[in-house]
Amino acid sequence: MKTRITELFGIKYPILQSGMQWLASAELAAAVSRAGGLGIISATRFMDNKPGLLEEFEKAKSLAEGKPFGVNISMLPHKDYSDCTVMFFEAAYEARVPVIETSGRSPAEYIQMLREWEKADGRDNEHDRIKIIHKCPSVRHAMSAQRAGADAVTIVGFECAGHPGMDDVSTMALIPVAKDTLSIPVVAGGGICDKRTFTAAMALGADGVVMGTRFVATKECEIHENWKQLILDSKETDTMIVQRSVRNANRVWKGSDTAQWTLATETSWDPEADHGGKQLIDVLLTRISGKIQRVHYIDGDTGACLFPMGLCAGQIHDIKTIPEIFEEICGGCNEVLDKLRDEFAD
């Protein structure tokens, strides 16, 4: 396959792995990259731990067999740690990671910082410069990223697991507008997991896709089997949005005790008595912090934390290897197109 995304990142297939917190490890990223996509390591697994992140990059290089990979740098504020954004960029720059994915807030100052480093070191050329892709939930934020110098954008719709933004706009509505508005490549996220949804996203104008929930339900993903089985057992109606009240909308599996507690806590919150929501945030973090999530991803207690899950869970019915997923999606998209040609033929 050849798209602007495969050309930009030097990959075989226009499929990116989402930078899922705690799950986006060197092992998972390398498996995606070896299969022909772009694997992503989550930098937030190494808050205040630059040596650990550098070691993770070296591990990914050894496992990826020369294939490119990237790192997700989430710039959202974190209550338990200092702002590690500059440290994450420093580590990626020192390790010569070929792709940085930013998310959470405007990447403008960091893109400028990175380009200044590259210019000073003579790395401001097409071969050596790090490619920047910014992940966001709206076209207006994507336009800002383009103006800031991003090489590409990922736009996630309302269907996605995790943080779909506050506007409740679907992938189907976002991608055509983004394609018509932006000049840089556009990656579509939200609701994509198989050959049909991949083909649909590309037909809408996407230059590539990003997947999260589908990559969790793989043999390579290092999460307890209970969570993988949960995806297989779930329907498209088994998720909900929480954390709207703190302007950090989060699509999660609605069946956990933690998700129901979060919803009830937000529903009973009195915004007039809590200016800025600080008290609510403190209360929520007693049960939904990333540290708690990490523990239960390992022990398999599916009721004890929030679990991001996309609407595409209703279409996932088996645990596959990552190469099998790529074969099904990339090998099967022509079947989808051929079927449509037959149906549309006079």
Protein backbone atom coordinates (compact mmCIF):
# COMPACT_ATOMS: atom_id res chain seq x y z
CA MET A 1 0.00 0.00 0.00
CA LYS A 2 1.16 3.52 -0.73
CA THR A 3 -0.36 6.57 0.95
CA ARG A 4 1.02 9.84 2.24
CA ILE A 5 1.35 8.21 5.66
CA THR A 6 3.33 5.19 4.44
CA GLU A 7 5.59 7.57 2.54
CA LEU A 8 6.03 9.93 5.50
CA PHE A 9 6.89 7.26 8.05
CA GLY A 10 8.52 4.68 5.78
CA ILE A 11 6.07 1.90 6.67
CA LYS A 12 4.40 -0.79 4.57
CA TYR A 13 0.80 -0.32 5.70
CA PRO A 14 -0.99 2.91 6.76
CA ILE A 15 -1.88 1.56 10.20
CA LEU A 16 -0.71 3.09 13.48
CA GLN A 17 -0.97 1.60 16.95
CA SER A 18 -2.45 3.88 19.59
CA GLY A 19 -0.18 5.02 22.42
CA MET A 20 -2.25 3.29 25.10
CA GLN A 21 -1.08 4.08 28.62
CA TRP A 22 0.62 1.10 30.32
CA LEU A 23 0.04 -1.16 27.29
CA ALA A 24 2.08 0.61 24.59
CA SER A 25 5.36 -1.12 25.42
CA ALA A 26 8.49 -1.72 23.37
CA GLU A 27 7.32 -5.28 22.78
CA LEU A 28 3.88 -4.31 21.46
CA ALA A 29 5.23 -1.41 19.39
CA ALA A 30 7.93 -3.57 17.84
CA ALA A 31 5.40 -6.27 16.95
CA VAL A 32 3.23 -3.72 15.13
CA SER A 33 6.25 -2.26 13.34
CA ARG A 34 7.55 -5.67 12.26
CA ALA A 35 4.11 -6.42 10.81
CA GLY A 36 4.34 -3.33 8.63
CA GLY A 37 2.61 -0.62 10.63
CA LEU A 38 3.89 2.02 13.03
CA GLY A 39 4.16 0.85 16.62
CA ILE A 40 3.99 3.47 19.36
CA ILE A 41 5.55 3.45 22.85
CA SER A 42 3.76 5.40 25.58
CA ALA A 43 6.21 7.77 27.25
CA THR A 44 3.94 8.18 30.29
CA ARG A 45 4.96 4.67 31.37
CA PHE A 46 8.21 6.36 32.40
CA MET A 47 7.18 9.49 34.30
CA ASP A 48 10.24 11.06 35.96
CA ASN A 49 12.33 8.16 34.63
CA LYS A 50 14.44 9.20 31.64
CA PRO A 51 16.89 6.27 31.94
CA GLY A 52 13.99 3.83 31.85
CA LEU A 53 12.53 5.47 28.74
CA LEU A 54 15.90 5.44 26.97
CA GLU A 55 16.25 1.75 27.80
CA GLU A 56 12.76 1.13 26.39
CA PHE A 57 13.75 2.82 23.14
CA GLU A 58 16.82 0.61 22.85
CA LYS A 59 14.68 -2.46 23.47
CA ALA A 60 12.26 -1.39 20.74
CA LYS A 61 15.12 -0.87 18.30
CA SER A 62 16.44 -4.37 18.93
CA LEU A 63 12.99 -5.96 18.60
CA ALA A 64 11.72 -3.95 15.62
CA GLU A 65 14.34 -5.40 13.26
CA GLY A 66 15.11 -2.07 11.65
CA LYS A 67 11.48 -1.01 11.22
CA PRO A 68 10.48 2.51 12.37
CA PHE A 69 8.50 3.09 15.55
CA GLY A 70 7.29 6.11 17.46
CA VAL A 71 6.63 7.44 20.94
CA ASN A 72 3.45 9.05 22.25
CA ILE A 73 4.07 12.09 24.42
CA SER A 74 0.90 13.01 26.27
CA MET A 75 1.09 16.61 27.43
CA LEU A 76 -1.91 16.41 29.76
CA PRO A 77 -1.16 17.57 33.33
CA HIS A 78 -0.59 14.75 35.83
CA LYS A 79 -1.38 15.15 39.51
CA ASP A 80 1.16 12.60 40.74
CA TYR A 81 4.17 13.75 38.70
CA SER A 82 5.96 16.85 37.45
CA ASP A 83 5.53 17.95 33.82
CA CYS A 84 7.81 15.54 31.96
CA THR A 85 7.14 16.83 28.43
CA VAL A 86 10.59 18.33 27.83
CA MET A 87 12.28 15.26 29.30
CA PHE A 88 10.28 13.01 26.98
CA PHE A 89 11.33 15.08 23.97
CA GLU A 90 14.95 15.03 25.11
CA ALA A 91 14.92 11.25 25.43
CA ALA A 92 13.31 10.76 22.02
CA TYR A 93 15.79 13.16 20.44
CA GLU A 94 18.81 11.51 22.07
CA ALA A 95 17.60 8.06 21.01
CA ARG A 96 16.82 9.25 17.48
CA VAL A 97 13.27 7.91 17.63
CA PRO A 98 11.94 8.52 14.10
CA VAL A 99 8.38 9.58 15.02
CA ILE A 100 6.92 11.55 17.93
CA GLU A 101 3.16 11.58 18.46
CA THR A 102 1.95 14.44 20.66
CA SER A 103 -1.42 14.74 22.35
CA GLY A 104 -3.18 16.59 25.15
CA ARG A 105 -2.47 20.23 24.29
CA SER A 106 -0.88 22.36 21.57
CA PRO A 107 2.50 21.01 20.46
CA ALA A 108 3.64 24.36 19.02
CA GLU A 109 6.35 25.27 21.54
CA TYR A 110 7.74 21.75 21.55
CA ILE A 111 7.87 21.46 17.78
CA GLN A 112 9.79 24.74 17.69
CA MET A 113 12.12 23.47 20.44
CA LEU A 114 12.76 20.23 18.55
CA ARG A 115 13.45 21.97 15.25
CA GLU A 116 15.92 24.30 16.96
CA TRP A 117 17.79 21.28 18.36
CA GLU A 118 17.86 19.70 14.92
CA LYS A 119 19.11 22.86 13.26
CA ALA A 120 21.90 23.27 15.82
CA ASP A 121 23.00 19.65 15.33
CA GLY A 122 22.68 19.53 11.56
CA ARG A 123 19.78 17.12 11.75
CA ASP A 124 17.32 19.45 10.01
CA ASN A 125 17.14 17.38 6.83
CA GLU A 126 14.56 14.95 5.48
CA HIS A 127 16.58 11.90 6.47
CA ASP A 128 17.40 12.84 10.07
CA ARG A 129 14.54 15.07 11.23
CA ILE A 130 11.98 13.54 13.57
CA LYS A 131 8.47 13.37 12.12
CA ILE A 132 5.73 14.89 14.31
CA ILE A 133 2.15 13.66 14.29
CA HIS A 134 -0.34 15.34 16.61
CA LYS A 135 -3.40 13.49 17.92
CA CYS A 136 -6.53 15.54 18.57
CA PRO A 137 -10.35 15.20 18.58
CA SER A 138 -11.33 18.10 16.31
CA VAL A 139 -10.54 19.76 13.02
CA ARG A 140 -9.85 23.11 14.69
CA HIS A 141 -7.15 21.56 16.86
CA ALA A 142 -5.75 19.79 13.81
CA MET A 143 -5.51 23.10 11.97
CA SER A 144 -3.59 24.58 14.90
CA ALA A 145 -1.18 21.63 14.80
CA GLN A 146 -0.67 22.12 11.08
CA ARG A 147 0.15 25.80 11.63
CA ALA A 148 2.57 24.77 14.38
CA GLY A 149 4.51 22.62 11.93
CA ALA A 150 3.19 19.10 12.54
CA ASP A 151 3.93 16.71 9.69
CA ALA A 152 0.59 14.90 10.07
CA VAL A 153 -2.41 14.72 12.39
CA THR A 154 -4.48 11.96 13.89
CA ILE A 155 -8.12 12.89 14.41
CA VAL A 156 -10.13 10.66 16.71
CA GLY A 157 -13.89 10.55 16.59
CA PHE A 158 -16.57 9.98 19.23
CA GLU A 159 -16.27 6.20 18.76
CA CYS A 160 -12.74 5.94 20.10
CA ALA A 161 -11.60 4.45 23.38
CA GLY A 162 -10.15 6.89 25.86
CA HIS A 163 -10.42 10.58 25.12
CA PRO A 164 -12.70 11.57 22.19
CA GLY A 165 -12.92 15.24 23.11
CA MET A 166 -15.96 17.18 24.21
CA ASP A 167 -17.76 17.74 20.90
CA ASP A 168 -19.28 14.26 20.34
CA VAL A 169 -18.51 14.25 16.60
CA SER A 170 -18.12 10.90 14.88
CA THR A 171 -15.19 9.71 12.80
CA MET A 172 -17.41 9.63 9.73
CA ALA A 173 -18.22 13.32 10.14
CA LEU A 174 -14.69 14.44 11.08
CA ILE A 175 -12.48 12.85 8.44
CA PRO A 176 -14.04 14.30 5.24
CA VAL A 177 -13.96 17.79 6.76
CA ALA A 178 -10.37 17.33 7.89
CA LYS A 179 -9.35 16.06 4.47
CA ASP A 180 -10.94 19.07 2.78
CA THR A 181 -9.43 21.53 5.27
CA LEU A 182 -5.88 20.34 5.91
CA SER A 183 -2.92 20.01 3.59
CA ILE A 184 -0.94 17.56 5.75
CA PRO A 185 -1.76 13.82 5.97
CA VAL A 186 -4.72 12.81 8.13
CA VAL A 187 -4.96 9.62 10.19
CA ALA A 188 -8.44 8.49 11.26
CA GLY A 189 -9.16 6.99 14.67
CA GLY A 190 -12.30 5.75 16.36
CA GLY A 191 -14.34 2.68 15.42
CA ILE A 192 -11.68 1.08 13.19
CA CYS A 193 -10.78 -2.56 13.76
CA ASP A 194 -11.15 -4.67 10.59
CA LYS A 195 -11.08 -4.68 6.79
CA ARG A 196 -14.51 -3.04 6.48
CA THR A 197 -13.89 -0.16 8.86
CA PHE A 198 -10.37 0.35 7.50
CA THR A 199 -11.68 0.57 3.94
CA ALA A 200 -14.45 2.94 5.03
CA ALA A 201 -11.97 5.27 6.74
CA MET A 202 -9.75 5.37 3.68
CA ALA A 203 -12.80 6.02 1.49
CA LEU A 204 -13.65 9.02 3.69
CA GLY A 205 -10.27 10.49 2.76
CA ALA A 206 -7.94 9.29 5.51
CA ASP A 207 -4.28 8.71 4.64
CA GLY A 208 -4.07 6.09 7.37
CA VAL A 209 -5.77 4.78 10.50
CA VAL A 210 -4.94 4.34 14.17
CA MET A 211 -6.29 1.44 16.24
CA GLY A 212 -6.30 0.82 19.97
CA THR A 213 -8.98 -1.61 21.11
CA ARG A 214 -8.16 -4.07 18.33
CA PHE A 215 -4.49 -4.16 19.37
CA VAL A 216 -5.45 -4.84 23.00
CA ALA A 217 -7.25 -7.99 21.85
CA THR A 218 -4.05 -9.55 20.50
CA LYS A 219 -1.76 -12.28 21.72
CA GLU A 220 1.13 -9.81 21.90
CA CYS A 221 -0.56 -7.28 24.19
CA GLU A 222 0.71 -7.60 27.77
CA ILE A 223 -2.54 -7.29 29.68
CA HIS A 224 -4.34 -9.90 31.78
CA GLU A 225 -6.46 -12.29 29.73
CA ASN A 226 -9.57 -11.17 31.64
CA TRP A 227 -9.44 -7.82 29.85
CA LYS A 228 -9.03 -9.40 26.44
CA GLN A 229 -12.00 -11.69 27.11
CA LEU A 230 -13.97 -8.64 28.23
CA ILE A 231 -13.54 -7.10 24.78
CA LEU A 232 -14.73 -10.30 23.11
CA ASP A 233 -17.79 -10.43 25.37
CA SER A 234 -18.73 -6.77 24.90
CA LYS A 235 -21.23 -5.20 22.53
CA GLU A 236 -21.15 -1.81 20.87
CA THR A 237 -23.49 -0.59 23.61
CA ASP A 238 -21.20 -1.57 26.50
CA THR A 239 -19.24 1.67 26.81
CA MET A 240 -20.00 5.10 28.22
CA ILE A 241 -18.40 8.51 28.58
CA VAL A 242 -17.22 9.66 32.02
CA GLN A 243 -15.15 12.64 33.24
CA ARG A 244 -17.15 15.17 31.23
CA SER A 245 -17.51 17.32 34.33
CA VAL A 246 -13.73 17.83 34.50
CA ARG A 247 -13.52 18.39 30.71
CA ASN A 248 -11.57 15.20 30.13
CA ALA A 249 -14.21 13.02 28.45
CA ASN A 250 -13.20 9.36 28.61
CA ARG A 251 -14.89 6.43 26.83
CA VAL A 252 -14.67 3.35 29.05
CA TRP A 253 -16.29 -0.04 29.61
CA LYS A 254 -19.45 0.74 31.55
CA GLY A 255 -19.69 -2.56 33.43
CA SER A 256 -17.01 -1.92 36.04
CA ASP A 257 -17.82 -0.83 39.58
CA THR A 258 -15.32 1.99 39.10
CA ALA A 259 -17.06 3.32 35.99
CA GLN A 260 -20.43 3.34 37.75
CA TRP A 261 -18.92 4.99 40.83
CA THR A 262 -17.33 7.65 38.63
CA LEU A 263 -20.61 8.39 36.90
CA ALA A 264 -22.50 8.58 40.21
CA THR A 265 -19.84 10.83 41.74
CA GLU A 266 -19.97 13.23 38.82
CA THR A 267 -23.78 13.23 38.77
CA SER A 268 -23.97 14.22 42.45
CA TRP A 269 -21.26 16.87 42.15
CA ASP A 270 -22.29 20.48 42.81
CA PRO A 271 -20.23 22.68 40.45
CA GLU A 272 -21.29 25.86 42.26
CA ALA A 273 -19.64 24.65 45.45
CA ASP A 274 -16.45 23.52 43.74
CA HIS A 275 -14.97 26.31 41.66
CA GLY A 276 -12.86 24.84 38.85
CA GLY A 277 -13.66 21.27 39.85
CA LYS A 278 -10.53 20.83 41.98
CA GLN A 279 -12.33 18.99 44.76
CA LEU A 280 -14.03 16.68 42.28
CA ILE A 281 -10.73 15.88 40.56
CA ASP A 282 -9.18 15.00 43.92
CA VAL A 283 -12.11 12.72 44.75
CA LEU A 284 -12.08 11.01 41.35
CA LEU A 285 -8.36 10.31 41.50
CA THR A 286 -8.84 8.19 44.61
CA ARG A 287 -10.23 5.49 42.29
CA ILE A 288 -9.34 6.32 38.69
CA SER A 289 -5.66 7.24 38.78
CA GLY A 290 -3.30 5.63 36.30
CA LYS A 291 -1.41 3.93 39.10
CA ILE A 292 -4.54 1.99 40.08
CA GLN A 293 -5.22 1.12 36.46
CA ARG A 294 -1.72 -0.30 36.03
CA VAL A 295 -2.17 -2.67 38.99
CA HIS A 296 -5.42 -4.11 37.68
CA TYR A 297 -4.23 -4.49 34.11
CA ILE A 298 -1.83 -7.00 35.65
CA ASP A 299 -4.06 -8.74 38.21
CA GLY A 300 -7.13 -8.88 35.93
CA ASP A 301 -9.67 -7.33 38.32
CA THR A 302 -12.02 -5.90 35.70
CA GLY A 303 -14.23 -4.08 38.19
CA ALA A 304 -11.54 -2.15 39.99
CA CYS A 305 -10.49 0.50 37.45
CA LEU A 306 -11.57 2.37 34.36
CA PHE A 307 -10.92 0.47 31.13
CA PRO A 308 -10.88 2.48 27.89
CA MET A 309 -12.86 0.63 25.24
CA GLY A 310 -13.95 1.76 21.79
CA LEU A 311 -17.35 1.19 20.20
CA CYS A 312 -15.70 -1.25 17.80
CA ALA A 313 -15.56 -3.81 20.63
CA GLY A 314 -18.85 -5.16 19.31
CA GLN A 315 -17.04 -6.21 16.11
CA ILE A 316 -14.09 -7.99 17.77
CA HIS A 317 -14.72 -11.69 18.32
CA ASP A 318 -11.28 -13.30 18.55
CA ILE A 319 -7.77 -12.86 19.88
CA LYS A 320 -5.36 -12.72 16.95
CA THR A 321 -1.68 -12.16 16.45
CA ILE A 322 -0.74 -8.78 15.08
CA PRO A 323 0.44 -10.23 11.74
CA GLU A 324 -2.95 -11.96 11.42
CA ILE A 325 -4.72 -8.64 11.97
CA PHE A 326 -2.64 -6.97 9.28
CA GLU A 327 -3.31 -9.83 6.88
CA GLU A 328 -7.07 -9.62 7.54
CA ILE A 329 -7.24 -5.84 7.18
CA CYS A 330 -4.75 -5.11 4.42
CA GLY A 331 -5.29 -8.32 2.51
CA GLY A 332 -9.05 -8.10 2.89
CA CYS A 333 -9.70 -4.50 1.89
CA ASN A 334 -9.59 -5.45 -1.79
CA GLU A 335 -12.30 -8.04 -1.10
CA VAL A 336 -14.45 -5.27 0.35
CA LEU A 337 -13.83 -3.07 -2.70
CA ASP A 338 -14.49 -5.92 -5.14
CA LYS A 339 -17.79 -6.70 -3.40
CA LEU A 340 -18.82 -3.06 -3.70
CA ARG A 341 -17.87 -2.95 -7.38
CA ASP A 342 -20.03 -6.01 -8.00
CA GLU A 343 -22.95 -4.51 -6.13
CA PHE A 344 -22.63 -1.15 -7.89
CA ALA A 345 -22.22 -2.63 -11.34
CA ASP A 346 -24.99 -1.85 -13.81
